[in-house]
C-alpha atoms as a PDB file:
ATOM      1  CA  MET A   1       0.000   0.000   0.000  1.00  0.00           C
ATOM      2  CA  ARG A   2       1.093   3.589  -0.609  1.00  0.00           C
ATOM      3  CA  PHE A   3       0.476   6.634   1.553  1.00  0.00           C
ATOM      4  CA  HIS A   4      -1.057   9.029  -0.948  1.00  0.00           C
ATOM      5  CA  SER A   5      -0.386  12.746  -0.970  1.00  0.00           C
ATOM      6  CA  SER A   6      -2.045  15.564  -2.906  1.00  0.00           C
ATOM      7  CA  LEU A   7      -1.996  19.319  -3.403  1.00  0.00           C
ATOM      8  CA  ASP A   8      -5.196  19.538  -1.327  1.00  0.00           C
ATOM      9  CA  LYS A   9      -3.559  17.782   1.624  1.00  0.00           C
ATOM     10  CA  LEU A  10      -0.506  20.011   1.305  1.00  0.00           C
ATOM     11  CA  ALA A  11      -2.694  23.140   1.195  1.00  0.00           C
ATOM     12  CA  HIS A  12      -4.484  22.022   4.355  1.00  0.00           C
ATOM     13  CA  VAL A  13      -1.261  21.414   6.308  1.00  0.00           C
ATOM     14  CA  GLU A  14       0.219  24.680   5.037  1.00  0.00           C
ATOM     15  CA  GLY A  15      -2.901  26.543   6.157  1.00  0.00           C
ATOM     16  CA  VAL A  16      -2.785  25.039   9.650  1.00  0.00           C
ATOM     17  CA  LEU A  17       0.929  25.857   9.965  1.00  0.00           C
ATOM     18  CA  LEU A  18       0.450  29.474   8.884  1.00  0.00           C
ATOM     19  CA  LYS A  19      -2.639  30.085  11.023  1.00  0.00           C
ATOM     20  CA  ARG A  20      -0.803  28.736  14.051  1.00  0.00           C
ATOM     21  CA  HIS A  21       2.165  31.108  13.685  1.00  0.00           C
ATOM     22  CA  VAL A  22       1.243  34.087  11.502  1.00  0.00           C
ATOM     23  CA  LYS A  23      -0.857  36.575  13.460  1.00  0.00           C
ATOM     24  CA  THR A  24      -0.925  39.235  10.736  1.00  0.00           C
ATOM     25  CA  PRO A  25      -3.929  38.714   8.423  1.00  0.00           C
ATOM     26  CA  PHE A  26      -2.960  37.030   5.179  1.00  0.00           C
ATOM     27  CA  ARG A  27      -4.531  35.697   1.996  1.00  0.00           C
ATOM     28  CA  ARG A  28      -3.526  32.682  -0.066  1.00  0.00           C
ATOM     29  CA  HIS A  29      -4.121  32.383  -3.796  1.00  0.00           C
ATOM     30  CA  LEU A  30      -3.405  30.110  -6.721  1.00  0.00           C
ATOM     31  CA  VAL A  31      -2.329  32.601  -9.390  1.00  0.00           C
ATOM     32  CA  LYS A  32      -2.888  31.348 -12.938  1.00  0.00           C
ATOM     33  CA  PRO A  33      -1.284  33.655 -15.526  1.00  0.00           C
ATOM     34  CA  GLU A  34      -3.322  34.314 -18.649  1.00  0.00           C
ATOM     35  CA  GLY A  35      -2.814  31.678 -21.314  1.00  0.00           C
ATOM     36  CA  ARG A  36      -1.092  29.234 -18.945  1.00  0.00           C
ATOM     37  CA  ASP A  37      -2.405  25.894 -17.715  1.00  0.00           C
ATOM     38  CA  TRP A  38      -0.509  26.053 -14.410  1.00  0.00           C
ATOM     39  CA  ALA A  39      -0.759  28.126 -11.225  1.00  0.00           C
ATOM     40  CA  ILE A  40       1.667  29.567  -8.672  1.00  0.00           C
ATOM     41  CA  ASN A  41       0.861  29.185  -4.974  1.00  0.00           C
ATOM     42  CA  THR A  42       0.981  32.686  -3.478  1.00  0.00           C
ATOM     43  CA  LEU A  43       0.795  34.132   0.033  1.00  0.00           C
ATOM     44  CA  VAL A  44       0.097  37.867   0.531  1.00  0.00           C
ATOM     45  CA  ILE A  45       0.389  39.810   3.812  1.00  0.00           C
ATOM     46  CA  ASN A  46      -0.572  43.495   4.120  1.00  0.00           C
ATOM     47  CA  GLY A  47      -2.172  43.326   0.696  1.00  0.00           C
ATOM     48  CA  PRO A  48      -5.762  44.064  -0.372  1.00  0.00           C
ATOM     49  CA  LYS A  49      -8.201  42.735   2.218  1.00  0.00           C
ATOM     50  CA  ASP A  50     -10.796  41.790  -0.379  1.00  0.00           C
ATOM     51  CA  GLY A  51     -11.685  42.240  -4.007  1.00  0.00           C
ATOM     52  CA  PRO A  52     -10.199  40.756  -7.183  1.00  0.00           C
ATOM     53  CA  ASN A  53      -6.719  42.276  -6.817  1.00  0.00           C
ATOM     54  CA  ILE A  54      -4.292  39.856  -5.200  1.00  0.00           C
ATOM     55  CA  VAL A  55      -1.577  42.420  -4.465  1.00  0.00           C
ATOM     56  CA  ASP A  56      -1.440  46.204  -4.293  1.00  0.00           C
ATOM     57  CA  PRO A  57       1.067  47.206  -7.015  1.00  0.00           C
ATOM     58  CA  THR A  58       1.385  50.712  -5.540  1.00  0.00           C
ATOM     59  CA  ARG A  59       2.656  49.485  -2.172  1.00  0.00           C
ATOM     60  CA  LYS A  60       6.300  48.784  -1.318  1.00  0.00           C
ATOM     61  CA  THR A  61       6.638  45.004  -1.671  1.00  0.00           C
ATOM     62  CA  ILE A  62       9.033  42.244  -0.634  1.00  0.00           C
ATOM     63  CA  VAL A  63       8.797  38.956  -2.571  1.00  0.00           C
ATOM     64  CA  LEU A  64      10.245  35.850  -0.873  1.00  0.00           C
ATOM     65  CA  THR A  65      11.217  32.609  -2.634  1.00  0.00           C
ATOM     66  CA  HIS A  66      12.141  29.294  -1.031  1.00  0.00           C
ATOM     67  CA  GLY A  67      14.881  26.766  -1.729  1.00  0.00           C
ATOM     68  CA  TYR A  68      15.058  23.312  -3.286  1.00  0.00           C
ATOM     69  CA  GLY A  69      12.225  20.933  -2.433  1.00  0.00           C
ATOM     70  CA  SER A  70      10.774  23.455   0.001  1.00  0.00           C
ATOM     71  CA  GLY A  71       7.788  25.775   0.173  1.00  0.00           C
ATOM     72  CA  LEU A  72       6.560  29.153   1.384  1.00  0.00           C
ATOM     73  CA  GLY A  73       5.469  27.617   4.692  1.00  0.00           C
ATOM     74  CA  PHE A  74       9.074  27.400   5.875  1.00  0.00           C
ATOM     75  CA  PHE A  75       9.151  31.188   6.338  1.00  0.00           C
ATOM     76  CA  TYR A  76       6.358  30.918   8.937  1.00  0.00           C
ATOM     77  CA  ALA A  77       8.524  32.302  11.772  1.00  0.00           C
ATOM     78  CA  ASN A  78       9.577  35.335   9.695  1.00  0.00           C
ATOM     79  CA  TYR A  79       6.310  36.636   8.301  1.00  0.00           C
ATOM     80  CA  ASP A  80       5.057  38.664  11.275  1.00  0.00           C
ATOM     81  CA  GLN A  81       8.374  40.440  11.760  1.00  0.00           C
ATOM     82  CA  LEU A  82       8.607  41.266   8.061  1.00  0.00           C
ATOM     83  CA  ALA A  83       4.985  42.410   8.053  1.00  0.00           C
ATOM     84  CA  SER A  84       5.805  44.926  10.794  1.00  0.00           C
ATOM     85  CA  LEU A  85       8.148  46.830   8.451  1.00  0.00           C
ATOM     86  CA  VAL A  86       6.877  50.249   7.418  1.00  0.00           C
ATOM     87  CA  ASP A  87       7.591  52.104   4.197  1.00  0.00           C
ATOM     88  CA  PRO A  88       9.289  55.345   5.331  1.00  0.00           C
ATOM     89  CA  VAL A  89       7.764  57.269   2.411  1.00  0.00           C
ATOM     90  CA  SER A  90       4.115  56.182   2.431  1.00  0.00           C
ATOM     91  CA  LYS A  91       4.087  55.247   6.148  1.00  0.00           C
ATOM     92  CA  LYS A  92       2.161  52.107   5.182  1.00  0.00           C
ATOM     93  CA  PRO A  93       3.145  48.565   6.211  1.00  0.00           C
ATOM     94  CA  VAL A  94       5.306  46.822   3.624  1.00  0.00           C
ATOM     95  CA  GLN A  95       3.456  44.236   1.530  1.00  0.00           C
ATOM     96  CA  ILE A  96       4.928  40.739   1.939  1.00  0.00           C
ATOM     97  CA  VAL A  97       4.438  38.254  -0.900  1.00  0.00           C
ATOM     98  CA  SER A  98       5.761  34.688  -0.862  1.00  0.00           C
ATOM     99  CA  ILE A  99       5.504  32.121  -3.637  1.00  0.00           C
ATOM    100  CA  ASP A 100       6.162  28.467  -4.333  1.00  0.00           C
ATOM    101  CA  TRP A 101       8.312  27.992  -7.414  1.00  0.00           C
ATOM    102  CA  LEU A 102       6.626  26.232 -10.317  1.00  0.00           C
ATOM    103  CA  GLY A 103       7.024  22.476  -9.901  1.00  0.00           C
ATOM    104  CA  MET A 104       7.454  22.729  -6.118  1.00  0.00           C
ATOM    105  CA  GLY A 105       5.347  23.303  -3.017  1.00  0.00           C
ATOM    106  CA  GLY A 106       1.690  24.003  -3.637  1.00  0.00           C
ATOM    107  CA  SER A 107       2.226  25.248  -7.190  1.00  0.00           C
ATOM    108  CA  SER A 108       1.344  23.254 -10.288  1.00  0.00           C
ATOM    109  CA  ARG A 109       3.824  20.646 -11.427  1.00  0.00           C
ATOM    110  CA  PRO A 110       4.111  20.634 -15.221  1.00  0.00           C
ATOM    111  CA  ALA A 111       6.604  18.143 -16.636  1.00  0.00           C
ATOM    112  CA  PHE A 112      10.286  18.942 -16.274  1.00  0.00           C
ATOM    113  CA  THR A 113      12.834  17.287 -18.548  1.00  0.00           C
ATOM    114  CA  LYS A 114      15.139  14.860 -16.750  1.00  0.00           C
ATOM    115  CA  ARG A 115      18.846  14.929 -17.453  1.00  0.00           C
ATOM    116  CA  SER A 116      20.040  11.951 -19.476  1.00  0.00           C
ATOM    117  CA  SER A 117      23.006   9.989 -18.163  1.00  0.00           C
ATOM    118  CA  CYS A 118      24.417   9.881 -21.703  1.00  0.00           C
ATOM    119  CA  ALA A 119      23.760  13.513 -22.639  1.00  0.00           C
ATOM    120  CA  THR A 120      26.392  15.383 -24.606  1.00  0.00           C
ATOM    121  CA  PRO A 121      27.912  18.625 -23.213  1.00  0.00           C
ATOM    122  CA  GLU A 122      25.799  20.573 -25.696  1.00  0.00           C
ATOM    123  CA  GLU A 123      22.630  18.829 -24.504  1.00  0.00           C
ATOM    124  CA  ASN A 124      23.564  19.556 -20.905  1.00  0.00           C
ATOM    125  CA  GLU A 125      23.972  23.239 -21.730  1.00  0.00           C
ATOM    126  CA  GLU A 126      20.496  23.280 -23.255  1.00  0.00           C
ATOM    127  CA  LEU A 127      19.054  21.523 -20.206  1.00  0.00           C
ATOM    128  CA  ILE A 128      20.610  24.146 -17.896  1.00  0.00           C
ATOM    129  CA  LYS A 129      18.901  26.892 -19.873  1.00  0.00           C
ATOM    130  CA  ASP A 130      15.629  24.944 -19.848  1.00  0.00           C
ATOM    131  CA  ALA A 131      15.875  24.471 -16.072  1.00  0.00           C
ATOM    132  CA  GLU A 132      16.489  28.153 -15.449  1.00  0.00           C
ATOM    133  CA  ASN A 133      13.679  29.174 -17.806  1.00  0.00           C
ATOM    134  CA  TYR A 134      11.273  26.684 -16.210  1.00  0.00           C
ATOM    135  CA  PHE A 135      11.449  28.657 -12.970  1.00  0.00           C
ATOM    136  CA  VAL A 136      12.478  32.164 -13.967  1.00  0.00           C
ATOM    137  CA  GLU A 137      10.127  32.704 -16.902  1.00  0.00           C
ATOM    138  CA  SER A 138       7.167  31.270 -14.991  1.00  0.00           C
ATOM    139  CA  PHE A 139       8.042  33.690 -12.174  1.00  0.00           C
ATOM    140  CA  GLU A 140       8.010  36.556 -14.682  1.00  0.00           C
ATOM    141  CA  ASP A 141       4.609  35.385 -15.973  1.00  0.00           C
ATOM    142  CA  TRP A 142       3.391  35.362 -12.366  1.00  0.00           C
ATOM    143  CA  ARG A 143       4.726  38.917 -11.831  1.00  0.00           C
ATOM    144  CA  LYS A 144       2.833  40.192 -14.857  1.00  0.00           C
ATOM    145  CA  SER A 145      -0.330  38.449 -13.700  1.00  0.00           C
ATOM    146  CA  VAL A 146      -0.332  40.045 -10.216  1.00  0.00           C
ATOM    147  CA  GLY A 147       0.685  43.442 -11.606  1.00  0.00           C
ATOM    148  CA  LEU A 148       3.883  44.114  -9.671  1.00  0.00           C
ATOM    149  CA  GLU A 149       6.109  46.592 -11.482  1.00  0.00           C
ATOM    150  CA  THR A 150       9.021  46.858  -9.027  1.00  0.00           C
ATOM    151  CA  PHE A 151       9.724  45.001  -5.810  1.00  0.00           C
ATOM    152  CA  ALA A 152      12.434  43.796  -3.436  1.00  0.00           C
ATOM    153  CA  LEU A 153      13.292  40.160  -4.145  1.00  0.00           C
ATOM    154  CA  GLY A 154      14.756  37.630  -1.719  1.00  0.00           C
ATOM    155  CA  GLY A 155      15.665  33.986  -2.266  1.00  0.00           C
ATOM    156  CA  HIS A 156      16.929  31.190  -0.049  1.00  0.00           C
ATOM    157  CA  SER A 157      19.323  28.483  -1.280  1.00  0.00           C
ATOM    158  CA  LEU A 158      18.210  27.398  -4.789  1.00  0.00           C
ATOM    159  CA  GLY A 159      15.792  30.326  -4.651  1.00  0.00           C
ATOM    160  CA  GLY A 160      18.797  32.625  -4.256  1.00  0.00           C
ATOM    161  CA  TYR A 161      20.348  31.221  -7.420  1.00  0.00           C
ATOM    162  CA  LEU A 162      17.109  31.537  -9.380  1.00  0.00           C
ATOM    163  CA  CYS A 163      16.521  35.072  -8.092  1.00  0.00           C
ATOM    164  CA  SER A 164      20.014  35.973  -9.307  1.00  0.00           C
ATOM    165  CA  VAL A 165      19.208  34.590 -12.755  1.00  0.00           C
ATOM    166  CA  TYR A 166      15.987  36.608 -12.706  1.00  0.00           C
ATOM    167  CA  ALA A 167      17.918  39.735 -11.702  1.00  0.00           C
ATOM    168  CA  LEU A 168      20.296  39.306 -14.642  1.00  0.00           C
ATOM    169  CA  LYS A 169      17.350  39.157 -17.043  1.00  0.00           C
ATOM    170  CA  HIS A 170      14.943  41.623 -15.421  1.00  0.00           C
ATOM    171  CA  SER A 171      17.058  43.943 -13.266  1.00  0.00           C
ATOM    172  CA  HIS A 172      14.761  46.926 -13.927  1.00  0.00           C
ATOM    173  CA  ARG A 173      12.024  45.160 -11.945  1.00  0.00           C
ATOM    174  CA  LEU A 174      14.025  44.979  -8.713  1.00  0.00           C
ATOM    175  CA  SER A 175      14.529  47.644  -6.069  1.00  0.00           C
ATOM    176  CA  SER A 176      16.872  45.254  -4.227  1.00  0.00           C
ATOM    177  CA  LEU A 177      18.070  41.635  -4.260  1.00  0.00           C
ATOM    178  CA  THR A 178      18.748  39.640  -1.082  1.00  0.00           C
ATOM    179  CA  LEU A 179      20.432  36.223  -1.276  1.00  0.00           C
ATOM    180  CA  ILE A 180      19.932  34.021   1.789  1.00  0.00           C
ATOM    181  CA  SER A 181      22.565  31.270   1.865  1.00  0.00           C
ATOM    182  CA  PRO A 182      22.423  31.090  -1.950  1.00  0.00           C
ATOM    183  CA  PHE A 183      23.071  27.910  -3.882  1.00  0.00           C
ATOM    184  CA  GLY A 184      25.745  27.501  -6.535  1.00  0.00           C
ATOM    185  CA  LEU A 185      27.414  30.917  -6.627  1.00  0.00           C
ATOM    186  CA  LEU A 186      30.955  29.906  -5.664  1.00  0.00           C
ATOM    187  CA  PRO A 187      33.532  28.985  -8.346  1.00  0.00           C
ATOM    188  CA  HIS A 188      34.633  25.384  -8.885  1.00  0.00           C
ATOM    189  CA  PRO A 189      37.573  24.280  -6.705  1.00  0.00           C
ATOM    190  CA  GLN A 190      40.628  24.699  -8.928  1.00  0.00           C
ATOM    191  CA  ASP A 191      41.846  21.115  -8.575  1.00  0.00           C
ATOM    192  CA  SER A 192      38.455  19.485  -9.146  1.00  0.00           C
ATOM    193  CA  VAL A 193      37.641  17.477 -12.278  1.00  0.00           C
ATOM    194  CA  PRO A 194      34.390  16.050 -13.694  1.00  0.00           C
ATOM    195  CA  VAL A 195      33.751  12.463 -12.659  1.00  0.00           C
ATOM    196  CA  THR A 196      33.977  10.447 -15.873  1.00  0.00           C
ATOM    197  CA  SER A 197      33.074   6.772 -16.142  1.00  0.00           C
ATOM    198  CA  GLU A 198      36.788   5.912 -15.985  1.00  0.00           C
ATOM    199  CA  ILE A 199      37.341   7.963 -12.831  1.00  0.00           C
ATOM    200  CA  SER A 200      34.216   6.557 -11.185  1.00  0.00           C
ATOM    201  CA  LYS A 201      35.737   3.052 -11.267  1.00  0.00           C
ATOM    202  CA  GLN A 202      38.390   4.267  -8.800  1.00  0.00           C
ATOM    203  CA  LEU A 203      35.873   5.553  -6.253  1.00  0.00           C
ATOM    204  CA  PRO A 204      34.768   3.756  -3.071  1.00  0.00           C
ATOM    205  CA  PHE A 205      31.539   1.768  -3.318  1.00  0.00           C
ATOM    206  CA  ALA A 206      29.427   4.351  -1.442  1.00  0.00           C
ATOM    207  CA  GLN A 207      30.490   7.117  -3.809  1.00  0.00           C
ATOM    208  CA  ARG A 208      29.889   4.928  -6.867  1.00  0.00           C
ATOM    209  CA  LEU A 209      26.414   4.150  -5.545  1.00  0.00           C
ATOM    210  CA  PHE A 210      25.671   7.842  -5.029  1.00  0.00           C
ATOM    211  CA  LEU A 211      27.024   8.661  -8.489  1.00  0.00           C
ATOM    212  CA  SER A 212      24.834   6.004 -10.099  1.00  0.00           C
ATOM    213  CA  ALA A 213      21.740   7.288  -8.270  1.00  0.00           C
ATOM    214  CA  TRP A 214      22.517  10.873  -9.276  1.00  0.00           C
ATOM    215  CA  ARG A 215      22.982   9.990 -12.940  1.00  0.00           C
ATOM    216  CA  ASN A 216      19.684   8.110 -12.926  1.00  0.00           C
ATOM    217  CA  ASN A 217      17.746  11.046 -11.440  1.00  0.00           C
ATOM    218  CA  VAL A 218      17.157   9.453  -8.040  1.00  0.00           C
ATOM    219  CA  THR A 219      16.150  12.390  -5.827  1.00  0.00           C
ATOM    220  CA  PRO A 220      15.521  12.595  -2.049  1.00  0.00           C
ATOM    221  CA  GLN A 221      11.842  13.004  -2.899  1.00  0.00           C
ATOM    222  CA  TRP A 222      11.969   9.865  -5.029  1.00  0.00           C
ATOM    223  CA  VAL A 223      13.334   7.921  -2.057  1.00  0.00           C
ATOM    224  CA  LEU A 224      10.711   9.251   0.385  1.00  0.00           C
ATOM    225  CA  ARG A 225       7.940   8.650  -2.143  1.00  0.00           C
ATOM    226  CA  GLY A 226       9.084   5.071  -2.606  1.00  0.00           C
ATOM    227  CA  MET A 227       8.840   4.285   1.115  1.00  0.00           C
ATOM    228  CA  GLY A 228       5.068   4.058   0.937  1.00  0.00           C
ATOM    229  CA  TRP A 229       3.416   3.902   4.363  1.00  0.00           C
ATOM    230  CA  TYR A 230       6.792   4.337   6.105  1.00  0.00           C
ATOM    231  CA  GLY A 231       7.376   7.691   4.374  1.00  0.00           C
ATOM    232  CA  PRO A 232       5.534   9.881   6.926  1.00  0.00           C
ATOM    233  CA  ARG A 233       7.448   8.236   9.775  1.00  0.00           C
ATOM    234  CA  MET A 234      10.757   8.859   8.002  1.00  0.00           C
ATOM    235  CA  ALA A 235       9.834  12.513   7.448  1.00  0.00           C
ATOM    236  CA  SER A 236       9.030  12.775  11.166  1.00  0.00           C
ATOM    237  CA  ARG A 237      12.415  11.314  12.103  1.00  0.00           C
ATOM    238  CA  ILE A 238      14.236  13.717   9.783  1.00  0.00           C
ATOM    239  CA  VAL A 239      12.444  16.758  11.232  1.00  0.00           C
ATOM    240  CA  SER A 240      12.879  15.709  14.875  1.00  0.00           C
ATOM    241  CA  ARG A 241      16.616  15.219  14.362  1.00  0.00           C
ATOM    242  CA  ARG A 242      16.994  18.488  12.461  1.00  0.00           C
ATOM    243  CA  PHE A 243      14.937  20.509  14.963  1.00  0.00           C
ATOM    244  CA  PRO A 244      15.258  18.671  18.300  1.00  0.00           C
ATOM    245  CA  THR A 245      14.126  21.652  20.427  1.00  0.00           C
ATOM    246  CA  MET A 246      11.051  22.448  18.340  1.00  0.00           C
ATOM    247  CA  ASP A 247       7.619  22.198  19.941  1.00  0.00           C
ATOM    248  CA  GLU A 248       6.122  18.730  19.357  1.00  0.00           C
ATOM    249  CA  ASN A 249       3.016  20.139  17.658  1.00  0.00           C
ATOM    250  CA  ASP A 250       5.208  22.133  15.298  1.00  0.00           C
ATOM    251  CA  GLN A 251       7.367  19.078  14.626  1.00  0.00           C
ATOM    252  CA  ARG A 252       4.267  17.180  13.589  1.00  0.00           C
ATOM    253  CA  LEU A 253       3.080  19.996  11.324  1.00  0.00           C
ATOM    254  CA  ILE A 254       6.485  20.459   9.702  1.00  0.00           C
ATOM    255  CA  SER A 255       6.820  16.684   9.255  1.00  0.00           C
ATOM    256  CA  ASP A 256       3.470  16.517   7.471  1.00  0.00           C
ATOM    257  CA  TYR A 257       4.406  19.578   5.414  1.00  0.00           C
ATOM    258  CA  VAL A 258       7.764  18.074   4.383  1.00  0.00           C
ATOM    259  CA  TYR A 259       6.162  14.759   3.526  1.00  0.00           C
ATOM    260  CA  HIS A 260       3.466  16.238   1.277  1.00  0.00           C
ATOM    261  CA  LEU A 261       5.933  18.674  -0.326  1.00  0.00           C
ATOM    262  CA  SER A 262       8.166  15.765  -1.236  1.00  0.00           C
ATOM    263  CA  THR A 263       5.740  13.102  -2.373  1.00  0.00           C
ATOM    264  CA  ILE A 264       3.134  14.881  -4.486  1.00  0.00           C
ATOM    265  CA  ARG A 265       2.991  13.513  -8.005  1.00  0.00           C
ATOM    266  CA  PRO A 266       3.937  14.152 -10.688  1.00  0.00           C
ATOM    267  CA  ALA A 267       7.572  14.712  -9.829  1.00  0.00           C
ATOM    268  CA  ALA A 268       8.690  17.934 -11.517  1.00  0.00           C
ATOM    269  CA  GLY A 269      10.850  20.665 -10.011  1.00  0.00           C
ATOM    270  CA  GLU A 270      12.813  18.160  -7.924  1.00  0.00           C
ATOM    271  CA  TYR A 271      14.842  17.308 -11.036  1.00  0.00           C
ATOM    272  CA  ALA A 272      16.132  20.883 -11.272  1.00  0.00           C
ATOM    273  CA  LEU A 273      19.074  20.255  -8.948  1.00  0.00           C
ATOM    274  CA  ASN A 274      20.260  17.403 -11.135  1.00  0.00           C
ATOM    275  CA  ALA A 275      19.961  19.582 -14.226  1.00  0.00           C
ATOM    276  CA  LEU A 276      21.850  22.519 -12.731  1.00  0.00           C
ATOM    277  CA  MET A 277      24.635  20.657 -10.954  1.00  0.00           C
ATOM    278  CA  GLU A 278      27.307  18.121 -11.782  1.00  0.00           C
ATOM    279  CA  ILE A 279      29.505  15.822  -9.715  1.00  0.00           C
ATOM    280  CA  ARG A 280      33.201  16.665  -9.625  1.00  0.00           C
ATOM    281  CA  MET A 281      36.079  15.117  -7.703  1.00  0.00           C
ATOM    282  CA  THR A 282      39.037  16.520  -5.823  1.00  0.00           C
ATOM    283  CA  PRO A 283      41.884  13.922  -5.780  1.00  0.00           C
ATOM    284  CA  THR A 284      43.306  12.921  -2.408  1.00  0.00           C
ATOM    285  CA  GLU A 285      46.950  12.289  -1.565  1.00  0.00           C
ATOM    286  CA  ASP A 286      46.519   8.535  -1.902  1.00  0.00           C
ATOM    287  CA  ARG A 287      48.209   7.889  -5.254  1.00  0.00           C
ATOM    288  CA  GLU A 288      49.734   5.013  -7.116  1.00  0.00           C
ATOM    289  CA  ALA A 289      53.315   5.033  -8.402  1.00  0.00           C
ATOM    290  CA  ASN A 290      52.113   6.312 -11.794  1.00  0.00           C
ATOM    291  CA  GLY A 291      50.762   9.439 -10.095  1.00  0.00           C
ATOM    292  CA  LYS A 292      47.068   8.731 -10.689  1.00  0.00           C
ATOM    293  CA  ALA A 293      44.675   9.315  -7.831  1.00  0.00           C
ATOM    294  CA  THR A 294      43.069   6.112  -6.626  1.00  0.00           C
ATOM    295  CA  HIS A 295      40.557   7.811  -4.346  1.00  0.00           C
ATOM    296  CA  GLY A 296      38.878  11.170  -4.267  1.00  0.00           C
ATOM    297  CA  ILE A 297      36.276  13.322  -2.611  1.00  0.00           C
ATOM    298  CA  CYS A 298      33.117  13.817  -4.641  1.00  0.00           C
ATOM    299  CA  MET A 299      31.242  17.097  -4.560  1.00  0.00           C
ATOM    300  CA  LEU A 300      28.293  18.722  -6.273  1.00  0.00           C
ATOM    301  CA  VAL A 301      29.001  21.970  -8.110  1.00  0.00           C
ATOM    302  CA  ILE A 302      26.944  24.246 -10.313  1.00  0.00           C
ATOM    303  CA  GLN A 303      27.213  23.536 -14.038  1.00  0.00           C
ATOM    304  CA  SER A 304      26.056  26.923 -15.275  1.00  0.00           C
ATOM    305  CA  ASP A 305      28.513  29.727 -15.938  1.00  0.00           C
ATOM    306  CA  PHE A 306      25.825  32.008 -14.466  1.00  0.00           C
ATOM    307  CA  GLY A 307      25.244  34.122 -17.478  1.00  0.00           C
END
């Protein structure tokens, strides 16, 4: 038997989590840009209280974006403090808007192309561009739909990387850009090399196993999804170990949130990390007489040259 998840279940858990912690009135919407068959999950604080307009385009606005395999609910402890900010010019509270990237969280999950284990360098380059466009151009469509002209943009982890890509393409839309522990912006280690099939034969079994899983698009979500009825318990164990001092009720909510975030089908945005990153190796000092490294340390690094 499988423990089924759905966008409706995720929306319910997200709502309970937000209502428990966010005291400032908020509205949640599924924003469907004109001509698109997908929607972006959107949270608005200090926006219009009613009516058809989702956001107030005339108000100073901060837009928050989450990281890989995450969702807007993970900012639950930050929303009230951010909502207390006041625009020094208009003297009005700053409007806080948070979204789930397309293919993640409570947003729609249109198909995302998986990376092929036998792709050529040229095909990989195309996939990187496709991955960036999947998120960034859908974000731009969302912006047009809600009517925001300029705003402050912040992104955590993978969201920081994607916000940077957005800033390179649409800098005139941003009043500021804040990167929160951004993903993939450091240069490759100078002595690292791509892990070819020949090099992989020299690696320890655990690293070869990881490499094989990575090349075959095995994601953390794929693993949790495949656990069936044991999946929720595993999510609970992960959360309790990561946040041991958290209130038990919050641990349960976050566990449910993580589980539904990770297991909703179809799998989509979770393949982005594989598309944007590659495995490289830094040789160790353990070498044979011919000078070739027999062991190494594998690492994940960004493939894109970032514009």
